[in-house]
C-alpha atoms as a PDB file:
ATOM      1  CA  MET A   1     144.136 126.315 110.243  1.00  0.00           C
ATOM      2  CA  LYS A   2     142.503 126.655 113.650  1.00  0.00           C
ATOM      3  CA  SER A   3     141.297 130.133 114.528  1.00  0.00           C
ATOM      4  CA  GLU A   4     142.536 130.221 118.104  1.00  0.00           C
ATOM      5  CA  LEU A   5     144.633 132.606 120.192  1.00  0.00           C
ATOM      6  CA  GLN A   6     145.385 133.527 123.756  1.00  0.00           C
ATOM      7  CA  ILE A   7     144.008 136.679 125.312  1.00  0.00           C
ATOM      8  CA  GLY A   8     146.161 138.736 127.641  1.00  0.00           C
ATOM      9  CA  LEU A   9     144.355 137.899 130.877  1.00  0.00           C
ATOM     10  CA  PRO A  10     146.168 138.755 134.103  1.00  0.00           C
ATOM     11  CA  THR A  11     148.079 136.269 136.170  1.00  0.00           C
ATOM     12  CA  PRO A  12     147.603 136.249 139.957  1.00  0.00           C
ATOM     13  CA  SER A  13     150.732 138.409 140.323  1.00  0.00           C
ATOM     14  CA  ARG A  14     149.149 141.528 138.813  1.00  0.00           C
ATOM     15  CA  GLU A  15     145.812 143.295 138.626  1.00  0.00           C
ATOM     16  CA  PRO A  16     143.876 143.562 135.340  1.00  0.00           C
ATOM     17  CA  SER A  17     143.885 146.848 133.443  1.00  0.00           C
ATOM     18  CA  ALA A  18     140.081 146.761 133.181  1.00  0.00           C
ATOM     19  CA  PRO A  19     137.391 144.736 134.950  1.00  0.00           C
ATOM     20  CA  VAL A  20     135.441 141.907 133.394  1.00  0.00           C
ATOM     21  CA  GLU A  21     131.858 142.964 132.669  1.00  0.00           C
ATOM     22  CA  VAL A  22     129.290 140.256 133.506  1.00  0.00           C
ATOM     23  CA  ILE A  23     125.678 140.472 132.293  1.00  0.00           C
ATOM     24  CA  PHE A  24     123.597 138.054 134.368  1.00  0.00           C
ATOM     25  CA  ASN A  25     120.040 137.416 133.153  1.00  0.00           C
ATOM     26  CA  ALA A  26     118.061 136.765 136.324  1.00  0.00           C
ATOM     27  CA  HIS A  27     115.293 135.145 134.242  1.00  0.00           C
ATOM     28  CA  SER A  28     117.558 132.354 132.955  1.00  0.00           C
ATOM     29  CA  GLY A  29     117.131 128.776 134.159  1.00  0.00           C
ATOM     30  CA  LEU A  30     116.349 127.961 137.787  1.00  0.00           C
ATOM     31  CA  ASN A  31     119.375 129.621 139.395  1.00  0.00           C
ATOM     32  CA  ASP A  32     119.230 131.592 142.632  1.00  0.00           C
ATOM     33  CA  ASP A  33     120.404 135.139 141.848  1.00  0.00           C
ATOM     34  CA  ALA A  34     122.261 135.723 145.101  1.00  0.00           C
ATOM     35  CA  ASP A  35     124.030 132.360 144.968  1.00  0.00           C
ATOM     36  CA  VAL A  36     125.165 132.920 141.376  1.00  0.00           C
ATOM     37  CA  VAL A  37     126.506 136.414 142.099  1.00  0.00           C
ATOM     38  CA  ALA A  38     128.296 135.265 145.268  1.00  0.00           C
ATOM     39  CA  LEU A  39     129.897 132.296 143.504  1.00  0.00           C
ATOM     40  CA  LEU A  40     131.077 134.348 140.519  1.00  0.00           C
ATOM     41  CA  THR A  41     132.443 137.082 142.755  1.00  0.00           C
ATOM     42  CA  ARG A  42     134.448 134.537 144.760  1.00  0.00           C
ATOM     43  CA  ILE A  43     135.828 132.732 141.688  1.00  0.00           C
ATOM     44  CA  PHE A  44     136.972 135.918 139.953  1.00  0.00           C
ATOM     45  CA  GLU A  45     138.420 137.433 143.131  1.00  0.00           C
ATOM     46  CA  GLU A  46     140.460 134.282 143.774  1.00  0.00           C
ATOM     47  CA  SER A  47     141.949 134.699 140.295  1.00  0.00           C
ATOM     48  CA  HIS A  48     142.677 138.400 140.913  1.00  0.00           C
ATOM     49  CA  LEU A  49     140.088 139.497 138.368  1.00  0.00           C
ATOM     50  CA  THR A  50     137.698 142.330 139.078  1.00  0.00           C
ATOM     51  CA  ALA A  51     134.216 141.449 137.849  1.00  0.00           C
ATOM     52  CA  ARG A  52     131.440 144.022 137.542  1.00  0.00           C
ATOM     53  CA  ILE A  53     128.251 141.970 137.670  1.00  0.00           C
ATOM     54  CA  GLN A  54     125.055 143.521 136.318  1.00  0.00           C
ATOM     55  CA  ILE A  55     121.792 141.731 137.048  1.00  0.00           C
ATOM     56  CA  ALA A  56     119.378 142.194 134.154  1.00  0.00           C
ATOM     57  CA  LYS A  57     115.867 140.955 133.538  1.00  0.00           C
ATOM     58  CA  GLY A  58     114.479 140.207 130.083  1.00  0.00           C
ATOM     59  CA  ASP A  59     114.704 143.285 127.855  1.00  0.00           C
ATOM     60  CA  GLU A  60     117.300 144.879 130.148  1.00  0.00           C
ATOM     61  CA  VAL A  61     119.968 142.487 128.826  1.00  0.00           C
ATOM     62  CA  ASP A  62     120.434 144.394 125.562  1.00  0.00           C
ATOM     63  CA  TYR A  63     120.776 147.749 127.339  1.00  0.00           C
ATOM     64  CA  CYS A  64     123.275 146.380 129.878  1.00  0.00           C
ATOM     65  CA  ALA A  65     125.284 144.629 127.158  1.00  0.00           C
ATOM     66  CA  ARG A  66     125.550 147.779 125.043  1.00  0.00           C
ATOM     67  CA  ARG A  67     126.616 149.783 128.063  1.00  0.00           C
ATOM     68  CA  ALA A  68     129.269 147.171 128.921  1.00  0.00           C
ATOM     69  CA  ALA A  69     130.515 147.037 125.315  1.00  0.00           C
ATOM     70  CA  ALA A  70     131.056 150.806 125.413  1.00  0.00           C
ATOM     71  CA  THR A  71     133.478 150.584 128.367  1.00  0.00           C
ATOM     72  CA  ASP A  72     137.218 149.954 128.204  1.00  0.00           C
ATOM     73  CA  CYS A  73     136.810 146.299 129.246  1.00  0.00           C
ATOM     74  CA  GLU A  74     138.353 143.497 127.182  1.00  0.00           C
ATOM     75  CA  ILE A  75     135.817 140.840 128.169  1.00  0.00           C
ATOM     76  CA  VAL A  76     132.013 140.908 128.363  1.00  0.00           C
ATOM     77  CA  VAL A  77     130.497 137.788 129.915  1.00  0.00           C
ATOM     78  CA  ALA A  78     126.960 136.596 129.159  1.00  0.00           C
ATOM     79  CA  ALA A  79     125.464 134.602 132.024  1.00  0.00           C
ATOM     80  CA  GLY A  80     122.204 133.068 130.857  1.00  0.00           C
ATOM     81  CA  GLY A  81     120.637 130.976 128.122  1.00  0.00           C
ATOM     82  CA  ASP A  82     121.197 131.061 124.372  1.00  0.00           C
ATOM     83  CA  GLY A  83     119.003 134.146 123.949  1.00  0.00           C
ATOM     84  CA  THR A  84     121.057 136.080 126.507  1.00  0.00           C
ATOM     85  CA  ILE A  85     124.351 134.941 124.998  1.00  0.00           C
ATOM     86  CA  SER A  86     123.174 135.869 121.490  1.00  0.00           C
ATOM     87  CA  THR A  87     122.049 139.325 122.627  1.00  0.00           C
ATOM     88  CA  VAL A  88     125.359 140.064 124.328  1.00  0.00           C
ATOM     89  CA  ALA A  89     127.356 138.642 121.401  1.00  0.00           C
ATOM     90  CA  GLY A  90     125.499 140.910 118.984  1.00  0.00           C
ATOM     91  CA  THR A  91     126.717 144.012 120.821  1.00  0.00           C
ATOM     92  CA  LEU A  92     130.366 142.916 120.468  1.00  0.00           C
ATOM     93  CA  ILE A  93     130.492 142.435 116.682  1.00  0.00           C
ATOM     94  CA  GLY A  94     132.983 144.882 115.174  1.00  0.00           C
ATOM     95  CA  LYS A  95     134.444 145.810 118.551  1.00  0.00           C
ATOM     96  CA  ASN A  96     137.744 144.728 120.071  1.00  0.00           C
ATOM     97  CA  LYS A  97     135.980 142.716 122.762  1.00  0.00           C
ATOM     98  CA  THR A  98     135.833 139.050 123.712  1.00  0.00           C
ATOM     99  CA  LEU A  99     132.736 137.151 124.809  1.00  0.00           C
ATOM    100  CA  GLY A 100     132.715 134.970 127.905  1.00  0.00           C
ATOM    101  CA  VAL A 101     129.957 132.367 128.296  1.00  0.00           C
ATOM    102  CA  LEU A 102     128.334 131.175 131.514  1.00  0.00           C
ATOM    103  CA  PRO A 103     125.566 128.780 130.366  1.00  0.00           C
ATOM    104  CA  LEU A 104     122.625 129.150 132.746  1.00  0.00           C
ATOM    105  CA  GLY A 105     119.792 128.350 130.362  1.00  0.00           C
ATOM    106  CA  THR A 106     117.778 125.233 129.648  1.00  0.00           C
ATOM    107  CA  LEU A 107     119.337 124.024 126.384  1.00  0.00           C
ATOM    108  CA  ASN A 108     122.685 125.896 126.134  1.00  0.00           C
ATOM    109  CA  HIS A 109     123.311 124.953 122.497  1.00  0.00           C
ATOM    110  CA  PHE A 110     126.110 127.483 121.907  1.00  0.00           C
ATOM    111  CA  ALA A 111     128.047 126.410 124.990  1.00  0.00           C
ATOM    112  CA  LYS A 112     127.693 122.721 124.130  1.00  0.00           C
ATOM    113  CA  ASP A 113     128.905 123.262 120.556  1.00  0.00           C
ATOM    114  CA  LEU A 114     131.998 125.041 121.935  1.00  0.00           C
ATOM    115  CA  ASN A 115     132.521 122.359 124.611  1.00  0.00           C
ATOM    116  CA  ILE A 116     132.098 124.908 127.380  1.00  0.00           C
ATOM    117  CA  PRO A 117     131.226 123.109 130.651  1.00  0.00           C
ATOM    118  CA  LEU A 118     127.657 123.508 131.879  1.00  0.00           C
ATOM    119  CA  GLU A 119     128.681 123.698 135.540  1.00  0.00           C
ATOM    120  CA  LEU A 120     128.933 127.366 136.510  1.00  0.00           C
ATOM    121  CA  GLU A 121     132.275 127.154 138.306  1.00  0.00           C
ATOM    122  CA  ASP A 122     133.890 125.131 135.516  1.00  0.00           C
ATOM    123  CA  ALA A 123     132.592 127.573 132.896  1.00  0.00           C
ATOM    124  CA  ALA A 124     133.964 130.510 134.889  1.00  0.00           C
ATOM    125  CA  ARG A 125     137.391 128.885 134.950  1.00  0.00           C
ATOM    126  CA  ILE A 126     137.307 128.628 131.152  1.00  0.00           C
ATOM    127  CA  ILE A 127     136.963 132.424 131.115  1.00  0.00           C
ATOM    128  CA  ILE A 128     139.865 132.772 133.532  1.00  0.00           C
ATOM    129  CA  ALA A 129     142.037 130.439 131.414  1.00  0.00           C
ATOM    130  CA  GLY A 130     141.821 133.005 128.614  1.00  0.00           C
ATOM    131  CA  HIS A 131     141.831 130.801 125.515  1.00  0.00           C
ATOM    132  CA  VAL A 132     140.095 132.540 122.603  1.00  0.00           C
ATOM    133  CA  ARG A 133     138.400 131.087 119.549  1.00  0.00           C
ATOM    134  CA  GLU A 134     137.104 133.133 116.637  1.00  0.00           C
ATOM    135  CA  VAL A 135     133.718 131.874 115.439  1.00  0.00           C
ATOM    136  CA  ASP A 136     131.264 132.820 112.720  1.00  0.00           C
ATOM    137  CA  VAL A 137     128.109 134.834 113.219  1.00  0.00           C
ATOM    138  CA  GLY A 138     124.957 134.728 111.120  1.00  0.00           C
ATOM    139  CA  GLU A 139     123.208 137.923 110.087  1.00  0.00           C
ATOM    140  CA  VAL A 140     119.750 138.678 108.672  1.00  0.00           C
ATOM    141  CA  ASN A 141     118.743 142.221 107.758  1.00  0.00           C
ATOM    142  CA  GLY A 142     121.231 143.670 110.228  1.00  0.00           C
ATOM    143  CA  HIS A 143     120.361 141.352 113.132  1.00  0.00           C
ATOM    144  CA  PHE A 144     122.905 138.796 114.395  1.00  0.00           C
ATOM    145  CA  PHE A 145     122.493 135.187 115.521  1.00  0.00           C
ATOM    146  CA  ILE A 146     125.018 132.693 116.867  1.00  0.00           C
ATOM    147  CA  ASN A 147     122.972 129.485 116.539  1.00  0.00           C
ATOM    148  CA  ASN A 148     120.120 129.625 114.047  1.00  0.00           C
ATOM    149  CA  SER A 149     117.193 131.497 112.582  1.00  0.00           C
ATOM    150  CA  SER A 150     113.864 130.163 111.343  1.00  0.00           C
ATOM    151  CA  LEU A 151     110.583 131.065 109.677  1.00  0.00           C
ATOM    152  CA  GLY A 152     107.184 129.429 109.837  1.00  0.00           C
ATOM    153  CA  LEU A 153     106.219 127.039 112.627  1.00  0.00           C
ATOM    154  CA  TYR A 154     108.806 127.878 115.259  1.00  0.00           C
ATOM    155  CA  PRO A 155     108.313 131.678 115.403  1.00  0.00           C
ATOM    156  CA  SER A 156     104.565 131.069 115.598  1.00  0.00           C
ATOM    157  CA  ILE A 157     105.068 128.666 118.507  1.00  0.00           C
ATOM    158  CA  VAL A 158     107.276 131.174 120.329  1.00  0.00           C
ATOM    159  CA  ARG A 159     104.648 133.902 119.931  1.00  0.00           C
ATOM    160  CA  GLU A 160     101.919 131.594 121.258  1.00  0.00           C
ATOM    161  CA  ARG A 161     104.155 130.480 124.143  1.00  0.00           C
ATOM    162  CA  GLN A 162     104.740 134.093 125.145  1.00  0.00           C
ATOM    163  CA  LYS A 163     100.971 134.703 125.232  1.00  0.00           C
ATOM    164  CA  LYS A 164     100.517 131.696 127.525  1.00  0.00           C
ATOM    165  CA  GLN A 165     103.344 132.839 129.794  1.00  0.00           C
ATOM    166  CA  ARG A 166     101.732 136.265 130.144  1.00  0.00           C
ATOM    167  CA  LEU A 167      98.655 134.394 131.382  1.00  0.00           C
ATOM    168  CA  GLY A 168     100.745 132.740 134.102  1.00  0.00           C
ATOM    169  CA  TYR A 169     101.821 129.473 132.452  1.00  0.00           C
ATOM    170  CA  ARG A 170     105.348 128.230 133.141  1.00  0.00           C
ATOM    171  CA  LYS A 171     107.712 128.041 130.165  1.00  0.00           C
ATOM    172  CA  TRP A 172     107.495 124.348 129.221  1.00  0.00           C
ATOM    173  CA  PRO A 173     103.729 123.857 129.740  1.00  0.00           C
ATOM    174  CA  ALA A 174     103.274 127.072 127.730  1.00  0.00           C
ATOM    175  CA  PHE A 175     105.533 125.717 124.987  1.00  0.00           C
ATOM    176  CA  LEU A 176     103.556 122.455 124.835  1.00  0.00           C
ATOM    177  CA  TRP A 177     100.194 124.218 124.569  1.00  0.00           C
ATOM    178  CA  ALA A 178     101.600 126.639 121.994  1.00  0.00           C
ATOM    179  CA  SER A 179     103.000 123.779 119.890  1.00  0.00           C
ATOM    180  CA  LEU A 180      99.646 121.977 119.866  1.00  0.00           C
ATOM    181  CA  ALA A 181      97.795 125.171 118.933  1.00  0.00           C
ATOM    182  CA  VAL A 182     100.146 126.021 116.050  1.00  0.00           C
ATOM    183  CA  LEU A 183     100.269 122.430 114.725  1.00  0.00           C
ATOM    184  CA  LYS A 184      96.467 122.368 114.746  1.00  0.00           C
ATOM    185  CA  ARG A 185      96.445 125.404 112.434  1.00  0.00           C
ATOM    186  CA  TYR A 186      99.565 124.160 110.607  1.00  0.00           C
ATOM    187  CA  PRO A 187     100.246 127.383 108.659  1.00  0.00           C
ATOM    188  CA  PHE A 188     102.256 127.288 105.431  1.00  0.00           C
ATOM    189  CA  LEU A 189     104.545 129.951 104.024  1.00  0.00           C
ATOM    190  CA  ALA A 190     105.090 130.668 100.318  1.00  0.00           C
ATOM    191  CA  VAL A 191     108.743 131.567  99.741  1.00  0.00           C
ATOM    192  CA  ARG A 192     111.231 132.109  96.947  1.00  0.00           C
ATOM    193  CA  LEU A 193     114.835 131.413  97.926  1.00  0.00           C
ATOM    194  CA  SER A 194     117.909 132.540  96.021  1.00  0.00           C
ATOM    195  CA  VAL A 195     120.980 130.527  96.985  1.00  0.00           C
ATOM    196  CA  ASP A 196     124.112 130.892  94.866  1.00  0.00           C
ATOM    197  CA  ASP A 197     122.895 130.074  91.320  1.00  0.00           C
ATOM    198  CA  GLN A 198     119.759 128.261  92.509  1.00  0.00           C
ATOM    199  CA  GLU A 199     116.214 129.540  92.875  1.00  0.00           C
ATOM    200  CA  ILE A 200     113.821 127.503  95.014  1.00  0.00           C
ATOM    201  CA  VAL A 201     110.092 128.221  95.139  1.00  0.00           C
ATOM    202  CA  SER A 202     108.259 126.395  97.899  1.00  0.00           C
ATOM    203  CA  TRP A 203     105.086 126.181  99.976  1.00  0.00           C
ATOM    204  CA  THR A 204     106.564 125.140 103.296  1.00  0.00           C
ATOM    205  CA  PRO A 205     105.736 124.919 107.022  1.00  0.00           C
ATOM    206  CA  PHE A 206     109.249 125.996 108.011  1.00  0.00           C
ATOM    207  CA  VAL A 207     112.628 127.288 106.865  1.00  0.00           C
ATOM    208  CA  PHE A 208     115.608 126.742 109.191  1.00  0.00           C
ATOM    209  CA  ILE A 209     118.930 128.517 108.669  1.00  0.00           C
ATOM    210  CA  GLY A 210     121.926 127.620 110.807  1.00  0.00           C
ATOM    211  CA  ASN A 211     125.183 129.379 111.566  1.00  0.00           C
ATOM    212  CA  ASN A 212     127.371 126.625 110.055  1.00  0.00           C
ATOM    213  CA  GLU A 213     126.215 123.064 109.405  1.00  0.00           C
ATOM    214  CA  TYR A 214     123.990 121.165 111.822  1.00  0.00           C
ATOM    215  CA  GLU A 215     123.903 117.447 112.462  1.00  0.00           C
ATOM    216  CA  MET A 216     120.480 116.433 111.141  1.00  0.00           C
ATOM    217  CA  GLU A 217     120.496 112.699 111.807  1.00  0.00           C
ATOM    218  CA  THR A 218     121.003 110.323 114.761  1.00  0.00           C
ATOM    219  CA  PHE A 219     120.716 111.299 118.416  1.00  0.00           C
ATOM    220  CA  GLN A 220     123.266 114.096 117.869  1.00  0.00           C
ATOM    221  CA  VAL A 221     120.676 116.017 115.816  1.00  0.00           C
ATOM    222  CA  GLY A 222     120.852 119.753 116.481  1.00  0.00           C
ATOM    223  CA  SER A 223     124.568 119.872 117.298  1.00  0.00           C
ATOM    224  CA  ARG A 224     127.469 121.404 115.321  1.00  0.00           C
ATOM    225  CA  ASP A 225     131.034 120.150 114.996  1.00  0.00           C
ATOM    226  CA  CYS A 226     132.361 123.364 113.454  1.00  0.00           C
ATOM    227  CA  LEU A 227     131.567 127.029 114.093  1.00  0.00           C
ATOM    228  CA  ASP A 228     134.148 128.643 111.816  1.00  0.00           C
ATOM    229  CA  ALA A 229     133.611 127.154 108.342  1.00  0.00           C
ATOM    230  CA  GLY A 230     132.194 130.438 107.041  1.00  0.00           C
ATOM    231  CA  LEU A 231     128.897 128.910 105.915  1.00  0.00           C
ATOM    232  CA  LEU A 232     125.175 129.080 106.520  1.00  0.00           C
ATOM    233  CA  SER A 233     123.136 125.866 106.376  1.00  0.00           C
ATOM    234  CA  LEU A 234     119.546 125.754 105.137  1.00  0.00           C
ATOM    235  CA  TYR A 235     116.949 123.063 105.872  1.00  0.00           C
ATOM    236  CA  MET A 236     113.332 123.054 104.721  1.00  0.00           C
ATOM    237  CA  THR A 237     110.436 120.852 103.626  1.00  0.00           C
ATOM    238  CA  HIS A 238     107.900 121.183 100.807  1.00  0.00           C
ATOM    239  CA  ARG A 239     104.096 120.835 101.067  1.00  0.00           C
ATOM    240  CA  ILE A 240     104.359 118.220 103.772  1.00  0.00           C
ATOM    241  CA  SER A 241     101.503 117.102 106.053  1.00  0.00           C
ATOM    242  CA  ARG A 242     101.600 116.868 109.840  1.00  0.00           C
ATOM    243  CA  PHE A 243     102.158 113.118 109.595  1.00  0.00           C
ATOM    244  CA  GLY A 244     104.859 113.717 107.010  1.00  0.00           C
ATOM    245  CA  LEU A 245     106.560 116.104 109.427  1.00  0.00           C
ATOM    246  CA  LEU A 246     106.438 113.419 112.116  1.00  0.00           C
ATOM    247  CA  ARG A 247     107.963 110.948 109.672  1.00  0.00           C
ATOM    248  CA  LEU A 248     110.830 113.366 108.976  1.00  0.00           C
ATOM    249  CA  ALA A 249     111.418 113.766 112.708  1.00  0.00           C
ATOM    250  CA  LEU A 250     111.693 110.004 113.112  1.00  0.00           C
ATOM    251  CA  ARG A 251     114.019 109.745 110.115  1.00  0.00           C
ATOM    252  CA  ALA A 252     116.181 112.457 111.698  1.00  0.00           C
ATOM    253  CA  LEU A 253     116.493 110.407 114.886  1.00  0.00           C
ATOM    254  CA  PHE A 254     116.997 106.992 113.321  1.00  0.00           C
ATOM    255  CA  GLY A 255     118.621 107.846 109.981  1.00  0.00           C
ATOM    256  CA  GLY A 256     117.522 108.331 106.405  1.00  0.00           C
ATOM    257  CA  LEU A 257     116.406 111.975 106.533  1.00  0.00           C
ATOM    258  CA  ARG A 258     118.599 112.991 103.605  1.00  0.00           C
ATOM    259  CA  GLU A 259     116.913 110.367 101.425  1.00  0.00           C
ATOM    260  CA  GLU A 260     113.527 112.077 101.812  1.00  0.00           C
ATOM    261  CA  ARG A 261     112.495 113.873  98.619  1.00  0.00           C
ATOM    262  CA  ASP A 262     110.453 116.421 100.608  1.00  0.00           C
ATOM    263  CA  PHE A 263     113.517 117.516 102.567  1.00  0.00           C
ATOM    264  CA  THR A 264     116.037 120.055 101.246  1.00  0.00           C
ATOM    265  CA  GLU A 265     119.416 120.920 102.733  1.00  0.00           C
ATOM    266  CA  LEU A 266     122.240 123.033 101.371  1.00  0.00           C
ATOM    267  CA  CYS A 267     125.069 125.320 102.472  1.00  0.00           C
ATOM    268  CA  SER A 268     125.994 128.783 101.247  1.00  0.00           C
ATOM    269  CA  ARG A 269     127.529 132.052 102.391  1.00  0.00           C
ATOM    270  CA  GLU A 270     124.465 134.071 101.418  1.00  0.00           C
ATOM    271  CA  ILE A 271     120.718 133.398 101.146  1.00  0.00           C
ATOM    272  CA  TRP A 272     117.881 135.657  99.972  1.00  0.00           C
ATOM    273  CA  ILE A 273     114.282 134.876 100.934  1.00  0.00           C
ATOM    274  CA  GLU A 274     111.295 136.595  99.334  1.00  0.00           C
ATOM    275  CA  THR A 275     107.602 136.284 100.131  1.00  0.00           C
ATOM    276  CA  ARG A 276     104.402 138.158  99.339  1.00  0.00           C
ATOM    277  CA  ARG A 277     103.920 138.984 103.003  1.00  0.00           C
ATOM    278  CA  THR A 278     104.801 142.520 104.058  1.00  0.00           C
ATOM    279  CA  VAL A 279     105.962 141.406 107.540  1.00  0.00           C
ATOM    280  CA  LEU A 280     107.501 138.112 108.653  1.00  0.00           C
ATOM    281  CA  ASN A 281     108.108 136.836 112.166  1.00  0.00           C
ATOM    282  CA  VAL A 282     111.729 135.706 112.243  1.00  0.00           C
ATOM    283  CA  ALA A 283     113.122 133.604 115.092  1.00  0.00           C
ATOM    284  CA  MET A 284     116.770 134.075 116.004  1.00  0.00           C
ATOM    285  CA  ASP A 285     118.273 132.052 118.846  1.00  0.00           C
ATOM    286  CA  GLY A 286     114.858 131.686 120.467  1.00  0.00           C
ATOM    287  CA  GLU A 287     113.809 135.336 120.156  1.00  0.00           C
ATOM    288  CA  VAL A 288     111.302 136.576 117.545  1.00  0.00           C
ATOM    289  CA  ILE A 289     111.560 139.834 115.575  1.00  0.00           C
ATOM    290  CA  ALA A 290     109.133 141.137 112.938  1.00  0.00           C
ATOM    291  CA  MET A 291     111.013 141.962 109.718  1.00  0.00           C
ATOM    292  CA  HIS A 292     110.134 143.302 106.294  1.00  0.00           C
ATOM    293  CA  PRO A 293     111.077 140.982 103.396  1.00  0.00           C
ATOM    294  CA  PRO A 294     113.156 140.336 101.470  1.00  0.00           C
ATOM    295  CA  LEU A 295     115.332 138.671 104.083  1.00  0.00           C
ATOM    296  CA  HIS A 296     119.052 138.789 103.369  1.00  0.00           C
ATOM    297  CA  TYR A 297     120.990 136.140 105.264  1.00  0.00           C
ATOM    298  CA  GLN A 298     124.780 136.208 105.267  1.00  0.00           C
ATOM    299  CA  VAL A 299     127.624 134.836 107.343  1.00  0.00           C
ATOM    300  CA  ARG A 300     130.203 136.982 109.146  1.00  0.00           C
ATOM    301  CA  PRO A 301     133.291 134.707 109.150  1.00  0.00           C
ATOM    302  CA  ARG A 302     135.105 134.637 112.495  1.00  0.00           C
ATOM    303  CA  ALA A 303     133.467 137.884 113.561  1.00  0.00           C
ATOM    304  CA  LEU A 304     133.117 136.898 117.225  1.00  0.00           C
ATOM    305  CA  ARG A 305     135.901 136.268 119.725  1.00  0.00           C
ATOM    306  CA  VAL A 306     134.782 133.877 122.452  1.00  0.00           C
ATOM    307  CA  LEU A 307     136.546 132.290 125.425  1.00  0.00           C
ATOM    308  CA  ALA A 308     136.321 128.515 125.073  1.00  0.00           C
ATOM    309  CA  PRO A 309     138.301 125.313 125.681  1.00  0.00           C
ATOM    310  CA  LYS A 310     141.114 124.489 123.265  1.00  0.00           C
ATOM    311  CA  GLY A 311     139.639 121.206 122.076  1.00  0.00           C
ATOM    312  CA  LYS A 312     136.992 118.587 122.655  1.00  0.00           C
ATOM    313  CA  GLU A 313     138.280 117.813 126.125  1.00  0.00           C
ATOM    314  CA  VAL A 314     138.037 120.421 128.868  1.00  0.00           C
ATOM    315  CA  SER A 315     141.336 120.999 130.599  1.00  0.00           C
ATOM    316  CA  SER A 316     141.584 120.460 134.345  1.00  0.00           C
ATOM    317  CA  PHE A 317     142.644 123.337 136.551  1.00  0.00           C
END
């Protein structure tokens, strides 16, 4: 049964009972702030919707989102990349609010998996159309994620990238240098995982946990067909070299990854991860938080209401 409904958005013949709150991350993508605000204001006004647009930068997104979630609005819109959308979504869990998505980031995984258009005006019209889907949310030690969480290599790369950016590097050159630096060290992590009735002990360069199942082979790798199956997916390797990691990457692109004995994948509603370390860097939707193990991952089935197209094809307006 599809988890879909229609929100009571206003028609042009009447004014909304409460404005739409828009959190626009001015650090997202390469968009011109003034142009984005002007375009959104025009689109919402033409549809007789009042939009309160807050321009936030970096850490201000969480504060603005929490303030918006505390108002009487029905809809809070995240305008930015996956990190911005995840931050705003996290403030809406457990509240009678609906998330709108304006994908202004570089990768926009969440929007793509929901078939939300990447063009700003088209995405805004999805919000105006008012079709709601209920999707799952992942949680680890009280922190929410809409896409994925990981341990090991990726959080280390993000930390190194942030150091380079503070020195004046642009995002992608910083990411490249950070990746090379971390792969040169190639740190491993000793973990014990408890998944259903299984216990897995491993010495691994990474653990990846997705909100629902990810495509792990072919050129669709990294995408999801379903966001409301009520499952977490886990992917990891065991004692693999740098060249072995490259081999797995190639098998992911061209097929055969699941035949690799050093690769583990499984799905569950709950995952426990233990390690001897007192603090772990945990990546969630591109952001890194230091947490104290054990890590308790669980899924919140259909905990997030989000405005999205009805199906694979985006309706014309």
